[in-house]
Amino acid sequence: MGAMSLWHWLIVLLIAVILFGSKRLPDAARGLGRSLRIFKTEIKEMQHEGDQKQGEQAKQEPPQLTSAPEQRAQSVDGQTADPQTAEPRPGTPQAGQQS
């Protein structure tokens, strides 16, 4: 029951002819064909533009990021501090202490 058989398609075609008439069906089919052609060309143009943008981004140099130094900052009392918060990290030895 999932697929439509030949008889189902013939009934649908007959109903379309009765509703629209045999004179208007070719015009409707032409209009539908033109619309699909326009839609396809627009989709291709959008994909082409997307590819061009990706190519331009790849050609540009990557932005230079400024980040905190990898080394830990030393506070005034000699403890090792977290560079983002500037607070001493727990468990780090002070200057002059041995681990």
Foldseek 3Di string as FASTA:
>chain_A
DPDDDPVNVVVVVVVVCVVQNPVCVVVVVVVVVVVVVVVVVVVVVVVVVVVVVVVVVVPDDDDDDDDDDPAFDADPQQATAHVVVRHHDPPTDGPPDDD
